[in-house]
Amino acid sequence: MTRRRQDRAPQFMETRVRTERHIDHGRSLSPAQWSAFKAHVIRHAHAAQAAAIRDAFARWATFMIRTVRRKTRAWHRHRCERRAAAEVRALSDRELRDIAVSRSEIDARVRMQPGGHRQ
């Protein structure tokens, strides 16, 4: 018992289409099927394009946010170092000698982390 062609569901969307408007198992597409297939392909292409644009924008926005945060932290650290250096420069020579720092070392010492490593 064989099934007639009308009983089968149209499979034009699941099969690969050749350039001459035939599907793999040889059946020619009607104009309505061809229009539906083209509309289906175009909808999927537009959805893929929109997803790619969304992903690219999200990556760009993440990069920009991280860059702004990094620059803001660097600026804040620089301002704190300048403030600290100004406070140490305000000390007298005798006070500097007591903490074993010469005036030429102030900037380098201010930039040192507590463990003695340079930032």
Protein backbone atom coordinates (compact mmCIF):
# COMPACT_ATOMS: atom_id res chain seq x y z
CA MET A 1 0.00 0.00 0.00
CA THR A 2 1.62 3.21 -1.12
CA ARG A 3 0.76 6.68 0.02
CA ARG A 4 -0.30 9.18 -2.54
CA ARG A 5 1.63 12.43 -2.95
CA GLN A 6 -1.27 14.50 -1.62
CA ASP A 7 -1.22 12.61 1.69
CA ARG A 8 2.35 13.57 2.48
CA ALA A 9 3.08 16.85 4.24
CA PRO A 10 5.04 19.30 2.08
CA GLN A 11 8.70 19.02 2.92
CA PHE A 12 10.05 21.87 0.84
CA MET A 13 11.33 23.72 3.90
CA GLU A 14 13.31 20.79 5.30
CA THR A 15 15.10 19.81 2.07
CA ARG A 16 17.89 21.46 0.15
CA VAL A 17 16.67 23.38 -2.90
CA ARG A 18 18.57 23.27 -6.16
CA THR A 19 18.91 26.41 -8.24
CA GLU A 20 16.38 25.22 -10.80
CA ARG A 21 13.54 25.21 -8.19
CA HIS A 22 13.48 21.46 -7.58
CA ILE A 23 13.71 19.77 -4.25
CA ASP A 24 16.00 16.80 -3.73
CA HIS A 25 13.45 14.11 -4.43
CA GLY A 26 12.56 15.58 -7.80
CA ARG A 27 9.22 17.24 -7.16
CA SER A 28 8.90 20.73 -8.62
CA LEU A 29 7.66 23.48 -6.30
CA SER A 30 4.47 25.29 -7.16
CA PRO A 31 4.65 29.09 -7.30
CA ALA A 32 2.85 29.34 -3.95
CA GLN A 33 5.27 26.89 -2.33
CA TRP A 34 8.22 28.70 -3.86
CA SER A 35 6.95 32.04 -2.47
CA ALA A 36 6.40 30.50 0.95
CA PHE A 37 9.88 28.97 0.87
CA LYS A 38 11.50 32.27 -0.11
CA ALA A 39 9.60 34.10 2.64
CA HIS A 40 10.71 31.45 5.15
CA VAL A 41 14.38 31.76 4.11
CA ILE A 42 14.23 35.57 4.20
CA ARG A 43 12.66 35.56 7.69
CA HIS A 44 15.40 33.28 8.99
CA ALA A 45 18.10 35.37 7.30
CA HIS A 46 16.72 38.55 8.86
CA ALA A 47 16.53 36.88 12.29
CA ALA A 48 20.14 35.67 11.97
CA GLN A 49 21.28 39.13 10.88
CA ALA A 50 19.48 40.78 13.80
CA ALA A 51 21.03 38.30 16.23
CA ALA A 52 24.50 38.97 14.80
CA ILE A 53 24.02 42.74 15.12
CA ARG A 54 22.74 42.33 18.71
CA ASP A 55 25.75 40.19 19.62
CA ALA A 56 28.21 42.62 18.03
CA PHE A 57 26.61 45.56 19.84
CA ALA A 58 26.65 43.68 23.15
CA ARG A 59 30.37 42.89 22.73
CA TRP A 60 31.12 46.53 21.81
CA ALA A 61 29.10 47.85 24.76
CA THR A 62 30.83 45.46 27.17
CA PHE A 63 34.24 46.56 25.82
CA MET A 64 33.33 50.24 26.22
CA ILE A 65 32.01 49.77 29.77
CA ARG A 66 35.16 47.89 30.81
CA THR A 67 37.36 50.55 29.21
CA VAL A 68 35.55 53.38 31.01
CA ARG A 69 35.77 51.51 34.33
CA ARG A 70 39.49 50.83 33.84
CA LYS A 71 40.19 54.48 32.95
CA THR A 72 38.10 55.70 35.90
CA ARG A 73 40.00 53.45 38.33
CA ALA A 74 43.35 54.58 36.90
CA TRP A 75 42.35 58.24 37.20
CA HIS A 76 41.16 57.70 40.79
CA ARG A 77 44.40 55.89 41.71
CA HIS A 78 46.43 58.70 40.11
CA ARG A 79 44.51 61.35 42.08
CA CYS A 80 45.03 59.42 45.36
CA GLU A 81 48.76 59.12 44.63
CA ARG A 82 49.03 62.84 43.86
CA ARG A 83 47.19 63.68 47.09
CA ALA A 84 49.45 61.38 49.12
CA ALA A 85 52.58 62.77 47.49
CA ALA A 86 51.44 66.32 48.28
CA GLU A 87 50.93 65.35 51.94
CA VAL A 88 54.41 63.80 52.16
CA ARG A 89 56.00 66.81 50.42
CA ALA A 90 54.43 69.02 53.10
CA LEU A 91 56.56 67.26 55.75
CA SER A 92 59.75 68.93 56.92
CA ASP A 93 63.19 67.50 56.11
CA ARG A 94 63.53 66.30 59.67
CA GLU A 95 60.19 64.42 59.54
CA LEU A 96 61.21 62.85 56.24
CA ARG A 97 64.53 61.73 57.75
CA ASP A 98 62.58 60.14 60.64
CA ILE A 99 60.63 57.95 58.20
CA ALA A 100 63.75 57.29 56.08
CA VAL A 101 62.54 59.00 52.90
CA SER A 102 64.39 61.63 50.91
CA ARG A 103 62.53 64.24 48.87
CA SER A 104 63.68 62.63 45.61
CA GLU A 105 62.08 59.31 46.64
CA ILE A 106 58.60 60.65 47.48
CA ASP A 107 56.93 59.89 44.13
CA ALA A 108 58.45 56.41 43.89
CA ARG A 109 57.49 55.55 47.47
CA VAL A 110 53.93 56.80 47.01
CA ARG A 111 53.48 54.49 44.00
CA MET A 112 54.74 51.45 45.93
CA GLN A 113 52.15 48.97 47.16
CA PRO A 114 52.25 47.99 50.85
CA GLY A 115 54.23 44.80 50.03
CA GLY A 116 57.01 46.86 48.43
CA HIS A 117 55.98 46.11 44.83
CA ARG A 118 55.48 48.82 42.25
CA GLN A 119 51.97 49.37 40.93
